[in-house]
Every structure is written in structure tokens, then in C-alpha cells.
């Protein structure tokens, strides 16, 4: 992305990076509109690998406190945001830690995981009308740069982002980041990120339809382009049909692709059809990858990977496996039950089956399949209101001829999240 163009966009205040709209629309005042909340998270992930690989498991207790100030009075409002995160390792030693897909606690040079983690991050923000500029330690949520908050502690990025909702029904975005803190680390830029530029936006065509375009440039890694669209058709008060499309084009840097042993081009898209009736939801989805490489994302540049956020995959068929190999085609059937209709509000269950074929890996062609299941309960009222318990499991099987693409096994995740509003 051309830096001069990006700077001109910032100065014009036309583009922005997506943020929560309530962060800059209130006029209550710097102190009066300040908020402090915390999340206490007990997280456990276990992976029982097949074919002789050592099993991995990590268990930790984390606390994440978030502070958001209001804005000072005046044409340009000023504010400060910040967070503090800490974690204690409850299990995961003895060679069981260190799986790329878990990454609760970073290992030292001898392979021993840290016993504790702690870090803080702050950012300043300026508001002018419907435009917000933030600079510091941030946690962006975009299809092309989405910090991962699905483990014990979240990732974060150092840089600036500008958010504007000046155009009705539209959010336009831009940002520049030059550092990353790993989920499992305490130091800034533990991911050793060079830089990421992002730009794009979302347009709400109606209350039930949206369209999105985004692009990113990860220095020395890849350029990425994203398009997304969704539409919901209300059939009655109890029935609806939803259509969702997500697609990425990735142009991978040649030196980076050579280091991974892949090609330089990937196109991947998914389309999902969801029918909802009362407490029941049925989904069918198809996902297709093409080009001379699979869809690569996330990880850390310090470990030789991309560094654009572990959640930067807005595709339907993503559970333990992402079904994102070179030339892979996958189909999914899923069912979700909301027990509110049966007198148990807050309790839900989901089961899905995904099958992928035409996987190309090291001149071999293979397939994979996954069964996913999840039970979740959110307390609806009382002193434990919003406490969430989530238990999920995956059973993933990959054919032997493409095992270099993906490992298989059985996975269990248990999360207990307790949010606390302090003021």
C-alpha cells in the first residue's frame, strides 16, 4: 500500500479502521463516560494427536481488565484507553505445551513454558464528529487483520487506526501497525512484526443486508483482498433464511512462499445458506480454494509465518481445521439449537460435519473430515449474570497422503468466562 496515499487518506479523515461505534458517539464527558470492566477466563485445550505425535494440552487462568475513558469537551475530544492482562499456568508442562494452535504460554529456550504472564497496553484517542483516531496498543477486528481472542489472552497490535462513520450506513477504514504482542508473551512486538497496512469498509445496504471490501499489505509476506456480503430474508416472525459470502485473494511474496514451500497465489471463498425456524437453525456451506497455494494467515513473523492475526479467516468451514489447503473443496452441514424456546434461556448446542476433498500437498491428493460439537451456557441474571461456560470438541481425520498439510486427532476445549463491570 502506498504510504503517501495512506497518509493523505488519514489527513482527509475519509477512511477509518473499524471500532465499536459507542466508543466515540457519547458526549457525557471524560470521567463521566469512563468504564472499567474485567474478564476472568479459565481456559483448557487438549489435543490427542494420532499417528504417534505427542499429545498437547494447556490450562491457564487469565484476567483481562479493560478501561475506556470518555472524551474531553470541545470540538476535538481527547480520551485514553488501556488494558492489563495476566495469566497463571495451571497445567501444560512436561512437554505438553508448545502446540501452535494452543499457544497459552510462551516457551523459553529450553522448551519450558512460562509460569505466569502479565502485560499492559495503552492508547490515546481523538474524536472529531463521527471520526475517531486511535494510537497505541490496539486490538483490531477486521477480516484482513483480526486479533485472536479465542485462547487464554488476546493478541494486540501497536499502531494507529482511524474510524469514521460520517457517511450514513457506512464505515470506512484504514490503519498502520508495526508491532505485535503474541497471545502467549509479555513483551511488545514478541511477534516481531515489520508492518501491516489495512484499508476498506462496510456498507449497510439495509438492516438485513451488508457489503464489505477490505485490503491489507503485510510487508515481506503478502497482499490480501477481501469481499463479503450477507442478506437475511424474514419469512415470518419465527422463520428466516440467510445468505453469507466471504472471499479472499492472497498474493504471496515470492521469498516468503519459497520459505514455506508453496506457490504465490490463493483464492478462497465460502458461501453459506442458513434456515432458522424457532429454536432450530440449519446451515449448509461450501468452501473452495484455488491457486498454487493454500490460504495462509495468522501465526507470528517471529516463527516464520504471516502475523496478521489468528482470527483473520472469515470463512464458513473453519473449526479445528480451516479446510484451506491448496485446491481444497469442502462441504458443511450444521445444526444449532437454542434452548430458550424450551424453557432454558442461555443454553445452546451446535453440531457440524465438514468434509474436504482435492487437497494438494507435496504432489499428493487427499482429503479430511471433521465432526464439531459445542455446548454453551450463559447465565441470564443474578450475581453471575453473563458468566459463560463453553465446552467444544472436534474429531479431525486427515488422509495419510496429505499429512504434511494438517495433523489429525481429537480436541477438547473448555472455557469459563466471567465478565465483571467495575464502573
Protein backbone atom coordinates (compact mmCIF):
# COMPACT_ATOMS: atom_id res chain seq x y z
CA UNK A 1 0.00 0.00 0.00
CA UNK A 2 1.45 3.38 -0.95
CA UNK A 3 2.31 5.29 2.26
CA UNK A 4 1.69 8.70 0.68
CA UNK A 5 -1.80 7.63 -0.36
CA UNK A 6 -2.47 6.22 3.10
CA UNK A 7 -1.29 9.44 4.78
CA UNK A 8 -3.46 11.55 2.51
CA UNK A 9 -6.43 9.41 3.40
CA UNK A 10 -5.75 9.92 7.11
CA UNK A 11 -5.40 13.68 6.76
CA UNK A 12 -8.63 13.87 4.81
CA UNK A 13 -10.42 11.87 7.53
CA UNK A 14 -12.21 9.84 4.91
CA UNK A 15 -11.17 6.30 5.75
CA UNK A 16 -11.14 4.60 9.11
CA UNK A 17 -10.41 1.37 10.96
CA UNK A 18 -13.42 -0.38 12.39
CA UNK A 19 -14.11 0.15 16.09
CA UNK A 20 -17.11 -0.03 18.39
CA UNK A 21 -19.41 2.86 17.48
CA UNK A 22 -20.26 3.62 21.11
CA UNK A 23 -16.61 4.46 21.73
CA UNK A 24 -17.00 7.94 20.26
CA UNK A 25 -20.63 8.96 19.97
CA UNK A 26 -21.28 9.78 23.65
CA UNK A 27 -20.90 13.33 24.99
CA UNK A 28 -21.11 12.58 28.72
CA UNK A 29 -17.53 13.68 29.43
CA UNK A 30 -14.03 12.31 30.02
CA UNK A 31 -14.69 10.94 33.51
CA UNK A 32 -18.47 10.65 33.40
CA UNK A 33 -18.37 8.28 30.43
CA UNK A 34 -15.39 6.21 31.61
CA UNK A 35 -15.80 2.46 32.03
CA UNK A 36 -13.71 -0.26 33.67
CA UNK A 37 -14.53 -3.92 33.25
CA UNK A 38 -12.70 -7.19 33.65
CA UNK A 39 -12.91 -10.70 32.24
CA UNK A 40 -11.77 -13.68 34.30
CA UNK A 41 -11.13 -16.64 32.00
CA UNK A 42 -10.34 -20.24 32.86
CA UNK A 43 -9.30 -21.97 29.63
CA UNK A 44 -8.24 -25.52 28.79
CA UNK A 45 -7.34 -27.06 25.42
CA UNK A 46 -6.28 -30.67 24.90
CA UNK A 47 -5.21 -32.24 21.60
CA UNK A 48 -4.89 -36.00 21.37
CA UNK A 49 -2.94 -36.49 18.14
CA UNK A 50 -2.93 -39.66 16.09
CA UNK A 51 -0.02 -41.36 14.27
CA UNK A 52 2.48 -41.13 17.12
CA UNK A 53 2.77 -37.38 17.66
CA UNK A 54 2.97 -36.31 21.31
CA UNK A 55 -0.31 -35.09 22.75
CA UNK A 56 -0.53 -31.43 23.76
CA UNK A 57 -2.57 -29.70 26.46
CA UNK A 58 -2.52 -26.36 28.27
CA UNK A 59 -4.61 -24.99 31.10
CA UNK A 60 -4.50 -21.47 32.49
CA UNK A 61 -6.34 -18.80 34.44
CA UNK A 62 -6.32 -15.34 32.87
CA UNK A 63 -7.63 -11.91 33.81
CA UNK A 64 -8.10 -9.09 31.31
CA UNK A 65 -9.06 -5.62 32.59
CA UNK A 66 -10.21 -3.00 30.08
CA UNK A 67 -10.51 0.74 30.69
CA UNK A 68 -12.23 3.17 28.32
CA UNK A 69 -12.43 6.87 29.09
CA UNK A 70 -14.97 9.27 27.73
CA UNK A 71 -13.92 12.34 25.75
CA UNK A 72 -12.97 15.81 26.87
CA UNK A 73 -15.24 18.66 25.89
CA UNK A 74 -14.59 20.72 22.78
CA UNK A 75 -14.59 20.42 19.01
CA UNK A 76 -11.90 17.74 19.24
CA UNK A 77 -12.39 15.36 22.15
CA UNK A 78 -9.46 13.62 23.83
CA UNK A 79 -9.51 10.27 25.63
CA UNK A 80 -7.38 7.39 26.90
CA UNK A 81 -7.96 3.63 26.72
CA UNK A 82 -5.95 0.84 28.27
CA UNK A 83 -5.86 -2.79 29.29
CA UNK A 84 -3.95 -5.03 31.69
CA UNK A 85 -3.71 -8.79 31.23
CA UNK A 86 -2.24 -11.51 33.40
CA UNK A 87 -2.27 -15.30 33.42
CA UNK A 88 -1.22 -18.18 35.66
CA UNK A 89 -0.34 -21.57 34.21
CA UNK A 90 -2.32 -24.36 35.87
CA UNK A 91 -1.02 -27.18 33.65
CA UNK A 92 0.83 -27.71 30.41
CA UNK A 93 4.38 -28.54 31.45
CA UNK A 94 6.19 -31.82 30.97
CA UNK A 95 6.40 -31.50 27.21
CA UNK A 96 2.67 -30.99 26.73
CA UNK A 97 2.87 -27.27 25.94
CA UNK A 98 4.03 -25.67 22.70
CA UNK A 99 1.35 -26.54 20.15
CA UNK A 100 0.97 -23.80 17.53
CA UNK A 101 -2.80 -23.97 17.75
CA UNK A 102 -2.86 -23.54 21.54
CA UNK A 103 -0.10 -21.08 22.50
CA UNK A 104 -1.22 -20.17 26.02
CA UNK A 105 2.30 -19.69 27.49
CA UNK A 106 5.43 -18.92 25.50
CA UNK A 107 8.32 -21.34 25.97
CA UNK A 108 11.87 -20.38 26.92
CA UNK A 109 14.98 -21.56 25.08
CA UNK A 110 14.90 -24.87 26.95
CA UNK A 111 11.30 -25.52 25.99
CA UNK A 112 9.78 -24.78 29.40
CA UNK A 113 6.55 -22.73 29.36
CA UNK A 114 6.24 -19.60 31.46
CA UNK A 115 4.52 -20.00 34.83
CA UNK A 116 2.93 -16.53 34.65
CA UNK A 117 2.30 -13.80 32.11
CA UNK A 118 1.47 -10.13 32.51
CA UNK A 119 1.31 -7.14 30.19
CA UNK A 120 -0.33 -3.75 29.82
CA UNK A 121 -1.26 -1.62 26.85
CA UNK A 122 -2.49 1.93 26.44
CA UNK A 123 -3.74 4.09 23.60
CA UNK A 124 -4.83 7.68 23.12
CA UNK A 125 -7.85 8.68 21.06
CA UNK A 126 -9.11 11.84 19.40
CA UNK A 127 -12.70 12.34 18.28
CA UNK A 128 -13.96 14.84 15.72
CA UNK A 129 -17.65 14.41 14.94
CA UNK A 130 -18.12 10.86 13.68
CA UNK A 131 -14.38 10.27 13.20
CA UNK A 132 -12.09 8.61 15.74
CA UNK A 133 -8.29 8.42 15.65
CA UNK A 134 -6.54 5.98 17.99
CA UNK A 135 -2.84 5.37 18.54
CA UNK A 136 -1.07 2.86 20.76
CA UNK A 137 -1.70 -0.77 21.72
CA UNK A 138 -4.87 -1.81 19.85
CA UNK A 139 -6.90 -4.92 19.09
CA UNK A 140 -8.36 -4.51 15.59
CA UNK A 141 -11.22 -6.69 14.37
CA UNK A 142 -11.27 -6.82 10.57
CA UNK A 143 -11.45 -9.63 8.00
CA UNK A 144 -7.83 -8.90 6.98
CA UNK A 145 -6.45 -8.11 10.47
CA UNK A 146 -8.34 -9.73 13.30
CA UNK A 147 -6.61 -10.13 16.67
CA UNK A 148 -7.10 -13.57 18.18
CA UNK A 149 -9.04 -13.63 21.47
CA UNK A 150 -10.01 -17.30 21.28
CA UNK A 151 -7.26 -18.63 23.59
CA UNK A 152 -6.25 -17.51 27.11
CA UNK A 153 -5.04 -13.94 26.47
CA UNK A 154 -5.64 -11.87 23.32
CA UNK A 155 -3.16 -10.67 20.72
CA UNK A 156 -2.61 -6.94 20.33
CA UNK A 157 -1.01 -4.64 17.76
CA UNK A 158 0.92 -1.37 18.02
CA UNK A 159 -0.02 1.34 15.55
CA UNK A 160 -2.75 3.80 14.63
CA UNK A 161 -6.25 3.42 13.32
CA UNK A 162 -8.82 5.91 12.13
CA UNK A 163 -12.56 5.26 12.32
CA UNK A 164 -15.24 7.28 10.57
CA UNK A 165 -19.00 6.89 10.28
CA UNK A 166 -19.50 10.27 8.65
CA UNK A 167 -21.24 8.67 5.67
CA UNK A 168 -24.63 7.24 6.71
CA UNK A 169 -24.73 3.44 6.87
CA UNK A 170 -21.03 3.22 6.03
CA UNK A 171 -17.84 2.52 7.98
CA UNK A 172 -14.63 3.21 6.09
CA UNK A 173 -11.31 2.06 7.46
CA UNK A 174 -7.53 2.49 7.35
CA UNK A 175 -4.66 1.73 9.70
CA UNK A 176 -0.95 1.09 10.05
CA UNK A 177 0.66 -1.33 12.53
CA UNK A 178 4.32 -2.01 13.25
CA UNK A 179 4.34 -4.32 16.28
CA UNK A 180 2.52 -7.37 17.63
CA UNK A 181 2.26 -8.92 21.08
CA UNK A 182 1.78 -12.67 20.95
CA UNK A 183 -1.06 -14.31 22.85
CA UNK A 184 1.50 -16.17 24.94
CA UNK A 185 4.06 -13.40 25.56
CA UNK A 186 4.63 -10.31 27.70
CA UNK A 187 6.85 -8.12 25.53
CA UNK A 188 5.82 -5.70 22.79
CA UNK A 189 6.48 -7.00 19.27
CA UNK A 190 7.14 -10.52 20.51
CA UNK A 191 5.70 -11.48 17.13
CA UNK A 192 8.48 -9.36 15.51
CA UNK A 193 6.10 -7.78 13.04
CA UNK A 194 7.51 -5.47 10.36
CA UNK A 195 4.37 -3.62 9.31
CA UNK A 196 0.78 -4.11 8.18
CA UNK A 197 -1.35 -1.56 6.33
CA UNK A 198 -5.11 -2.05 6.06
CA UNK A 199 -7.87 -0.19 4.25
CA UNK A 200 -11.52 -0.85 3.41
CA UNK A 201 -15.04 -0.52 4.69
CA UNK A 202 -18.52 -1.89 5.23
CA UNK A 203 -21.81 -0.59 3.85
CA UNK A 204 -25.15 -1.49 5.41
CA UNK A 205 -27.47 -1.71 2.43
CA UNK A 206 -30.40 -2.27 4.79
CA UNK A 207 -30.97 -3.57 8.34
CA UNK A 208 -30.72 -7.09 6.89
CA UNK A 209 -28.02 -6.70 4.22
CA UNK A 210 -24.33 -5.70 4.31
CA UNK A 211 -21.45 -5.50 1.84
CA UNK A 212 -17.74 -5.26 2.75
CA UNK A 213 -14.42 -4.67 0.97
CA UNK A 214 -11.01 -4.70 2.65
CA UNK A 215 -7.36 -4.95 1.67
CA UNK A 216 -4.11 -5.41 3.56
CA UNK A 217 -0.40 -5.32 2.84
CA UNK A 218 1.78 -7.35 5.21
CA UNK A 219 5.37 -6.33 4.48
CA UNK A 220 7.52 -9.16 3.08
CA UNK A 221 4.63 -11.59 3.47
CA UNK A 222 1.58 -10.96 1.27
CA UNK A 223 -1.09 -8.64 -0.07
CA UNK A 224 -4.66 -9.66 0.73
CA UNK A 225 -8.07 -8.59 -0.59
CA UNK A 226 -11.43 -9.47 0.95
CA UNK A 227 -15.05 -9.21 -0.15
CA UNK A 228 -18.04 -10.13 1.99
CA UNK A 229 -21.81 -9.91 1.66
CA UNK A 230 -24.76 -11.05 3.74
CA UNK A 231 -28.54 -10.92 3.37
CA UNK A 232 -31.35 -12.13 5.60
CA UNK A 233 -34.88 -12.76 4.34
CA UNK A 234 -37.56 -12.66 7.04
CA UNK A 235 -40.22 -15.22 6.16
CA UNK A 236 -42.29 -14.76 9.33
CA UNK A 237 -41.84 -13.88 12.98
CA UNK A 238 -40.37 -17.36 13.53
CA UNK A 239 -38.64 -18.10 10.22
CA UNK A 240 -35.78 -16.60 8.20
CA UNK A 241 -33.27 -17.51 5.51
CA UNK A 242 -29.75 -16.02 5.50
CA UNK A 243 -27.12 -15.98 2.76
CA UNK A 244 -23.47 -15.26 3.55
CA UNK A 245 -20.50 -14.95 1.20
CA UNK A 246 -16.84 -14.43 2.14
CA UNK A 247 -13.89 -14.42 -0.27
CA UNK A 248 -10.13 -13.72 -0.17
CA UNK A 249 -7.48 -13.17 -2.82
CA UNK A 250 -3.90 -13.53 -1.50
CA UNK A 251 -0.77 -12.54 -3.43
CA UNK A 252 2.12 -14.10 -1.52
CA UNK A 253 5.63 -12.66 -1.52
CA UNK A 254 7.98 -14.92 -3.51
CA UNK A 255 10.69 -15.20 -0.86
CA UNK A 256 8.07 -15.95 1.79
CA UNK A 257 6.36 -18.58 -0.36
CA UNK A 258 9.74 -20.22 -1.03
CA UNK A 259 10.38 -20.43 2.72
CA UNK A 260 7.06 -22.25 3.14
CA UNK A 261 7.45 -24.40 0.03
CA UNK A 262 4.23 -23.09 -1.56
CA UNK A 263 3.19 -21.09 -4.60
CA UNK A 264 2.35 -17.38 -4.59
CA UNK A 265 -1.38 -17.26 -5.36
CA UNK A 266 -4.52 -18.29 -3.49
CA UNK A 267 -8.20 -17.59 -3.96
CA UNK A 268 -10.65 -18.94 -1.41
CA UNK A 269 -14.35 -18.33 -0.82
CA UNK A 270 -17.24 -19.73 1.15
CA UNK A 271 -20.99 -19.47 0.73
CA UNK A 272 -23.47 -20.44 3.43
CA UNK A 273 -27.25 -20.86 3.44
CA UNK A 274 -28.94 -20.82 6.86
CA UNK A 275 -32.58 -21.60 7.57
CA UNK A 276 -33.91 -20.63 11.02
CA UNK A 277 -37.23 -21.70 12.45
CA UNK A 278 -37.99 -21.09 16.11
CA UNK A 279 -35.27 -22.67 18.23
CA UNK A 280 -33.70 -24.51 15.29
CA UNK A 281 -31.09 -23.41 12.77
CA UNK A 282 -29.89 -25.47 9.82
CA UNK A 283 -26.87 -24.49 7.71
CA UNK A 284 -25.30 -25.75 4.50
CA UNK A 285 -21.98 -24.28 3.37
CA UNK A 286 -19.50 -24.78 0.55
CA UNK A 287 -15.90 -23.56 0.60
CA UNK A 288 -13.42 -23.65 -2.29
CA UNK A 289 -9.71 -22.90 -2.51
CA UNK A 290 -7.78 -22.45 -5.77
CA UNK A 291 -4.35 -21.30 -6.96
CA UNK A 292 -0.91 -22.77 -6.36
CA UNK A 293 -1.02 -22.28 -2.56
CA UNK A 294 -3.42 -22.70 0.33
CA UNK A 295 -4.88 -19.82 2.35
CA UNK A 296 -2.22 -18.82 4.87
CA UNK A 297 -2.80 -16.39 7.75
CA UNK A 298 -2.03 -15.68 11.39
CA UNK A 299 0.89 -17.11 13.29
CA UNK A 300 3.83 -14.82 14.05
CA UNK A 301 6.63 -13.46 11.92
CA UNK A 302 8.99 -14.42 14.77
CA UNK A 303 8.17 -18.05 13.96
CA UNK A 304 8.31 -17.57 10.19
CA UNK A 305 4.64 -17.01 9.50
CA UNK A 306 2.31 -14.15 8.46
CA UNK A 307 1.45 -12.24 11.64
CA UNK A 308 -1.90 -10.79 10.53
CA UNK A 309 -3.98 -12.10 13.43
CA UNK A 310 -5.18 -15.55 14.36
CA UNK A 311 -8.80 -14.62 13.61
CA UNK A 312 -8.24 -13.35 10.06
CA UNK A 313 -10.26 -16.06 8.38
CA UNK A 314 -13.88 -15.03 7.88
CA UNK A 315 -14.86 -18.31 6.21
CA UNK A 316 -17.66 -20.75 6.96
CA UNK A 317 -15.75 -24.01 7.24
CA UNK A 318 -13.29 -23.04 9.98
CA UNK A 319 -13.22 -25.09 13.20
CA UNK A 320 -10.10 -27.01 14.30
CA UNK A 321 -9.24 -27.40 10.64
CA UNK A 322 -9.78 -24.40 8.37
CA UNK A 323 -10.25 -26.57 5.26
CA UNK A 324 -7.96 -24.11 3.48
CA UNK A 325 -5.44 -26.32 1.69
CA UNK A 326 -4.33 -25.82 -1.90
CA UNK A 327 -7.26 -26.68 -4.23
CA UNK A 328 -9.40 -27.98 -1.36
CA UNK A 329 -13.18 -28.18 -1.74
CA UNK A 330 -15.29 -28.68 1.37
CA UNK A 331 -18.93 -29.03 2.30
CA UNK A 332 -20.52 -28.46 5.71
CA UNK A 333 -23.83 -29.38 7.29
CA UNK A 334 -24.56 -27.85 10.71
CA UNK A 335 -27.39 -27.69 13.22
CA UNK A 336 -27.84 -25.26 16.14
CA UNK A 337 -30.44 -25.48 18.92
CA UNK A 338 -31.38 -22.55 21.17
CA UNK A 339 -32.95 -23.97 24.32
CA UNK A 340 -34.65 -20.68 25.22
CA UNK A 341 -37.70 -21.94 23.35
CA UNK A 342 -37.78 -24.93 25.71
CA UNK A 343 -37.52 -23.02 28.97
CA UNK A 344 -33.72 -22.89 29.38
CA UNK A 345 -32.59 -19.45 28.18
CA UNK A 346 -28.85 -19.15 27.68
CA UNK A 347 -28.30 -22.81 26.79
CA UNK A 348 -27.38 -23.68 23.20
CA UNK A 349 -25.94 -26.61 21.28
CA UNK A 350 -24.25 -26.85 17.88
CA UNK A 351 -23.05 -29.80 15.82
CA UNK A 352 -21.37 -29.69 12.41
CA UNK A 353 -19.84 -32.08 9.92
CA UNK A 354 -17.32 -30.84 7.34
CA UNK A 355 -15.73 -32.90 4.59
CA UNK A 356 -12.86 -31.66 2.41
CA UNK A 357 -11.50 -33.22 -0.77
CA UNK A 358 -8.97 -32.47 -3.56
CA UNK A 359 -6.27 -31.42 -1.08
CA UNK A 360 -2.94 -30.93 -2.87
CA UNK A 361 0.17 -31.36 -0.70
CA UNK A 362 3.65 -32.37 -1.87
CA UNK A 363 2.37 -33.84 -5.16
CA UNK A 364 -0.24 -35.90 -3.34
CA UNK A 365 -4.02 -35.53 -3.37
CA UNK A 366 -6.02 -36.32 -0.24
CA UNK A 367 -8.99 -35.48 1.94
CA UNK A 368 -10.03 -34.63 5.50
CA UNK A 369 -13.18 -34.60 7.61
CA UNK A 370 -14.18 -33.10 10.94
CA UNK A 371 -17.05 -33.51 13.38
CA UNK A 372 -17.51 -30.45 15.59
CA UNK A 373 -19.79 -30.14 18.59
CA UNK A 374 -20.30 -27.37 21.16
CA UNK A 375 -22.42 -26.89 24.26
CA UNK A 376 -22.67 -23.38 25.73
CA UNK A 377 -24.49 -21.81 28.63
CA UNK A 378 -24.70 -18.11 29.53
CA UNK A 379 -26.18 -17.12 32.90
CA UNK A 380 -29.07 -14.75 32.27
CA UNK A 381 -29.47 -12.93 35.60
CA UNK A 382 -28.33 -12.74 39.21
CA UNK A 383 -24.83 -12.09 40.62
CA UNK A 384 -23.28 -14.40 37.99
CA UNK A 385 -25.07 -12.72 35.07
CA UNK A 386 -23.24 -13.16 31.74
CA UNK A 387 -20.99 -15.92 33.11
CA UNK A 388 -20.36 -18.20 30.13
CA UNK A 389 -19.36 -21.86 30.09
CA UNK A 390 -18.40 -23.37 26.75
CA UNK A 391 -17.41 -26.97 26.02
CA UNK A 392 -16.45 -27.90 22.47
CA UNK A 393 -14.93 -30.93 20.80
CA UNK A 394 -13.53 -31.77 17.38
CA UNK A 395 -12.70 -35.09 15.77
CA UNK A 396 -10.45 -34.45 12.78
CA UNK A 397 -9.19 -37.10 10.37
CA UNK A 398 -6.72 -36.41 7.54
CA UNK A 399 -5.70 -38.96 4.92
CA UNK A 400 -2.08 -40.16 5.21
CA UNK A 401 -1.04 -38.88 1.78
CA UNK A 402 -1.55 -35.20 2.78
CA UNK A 403 -0.47 -35.32 6.41
CA UNK A 404 2.15 -32.65 5.68
CA UNK A 405 -0.77 -30.22 5.29
CA UNK A 406 -2.56 -31.00 8.56
CA UNK A 407 -2.40 -33.25 11.62
CA UNK A 408 -5.42 -35.14 12.84
CA UNK A 409 -6.68 -36.14 16.23
CA UNK A 410 -9.26 -35.35 18.89
CA UNK A 411 -9.55 -31.93 20.51
CA UNK A 412 -11.39 -30.70 23.62
CA UNK A 413 -11.76 -27.06 24.68
CA UNK A 414 -13.32 -25.85 27.91
CA UNK A 415 -13.79 -22.13 28.60
CA UNK A 416 -15.25 -20.46 31.68
CA UNK A 417 -15.61 -16.69 31.17
CA UNK A 418 -16.81 -14.37 33.93
CA UNK A 419 -17.16 -10.69 32.91
CA UNK A 420 -17.26 -8.08 35.69
CA UNK A 421 -18.37 -4.47 35.27
CA UNK A 422 -16.50 -2.38 37.85
CA UNK A 423 -17.85 1.05 36.83
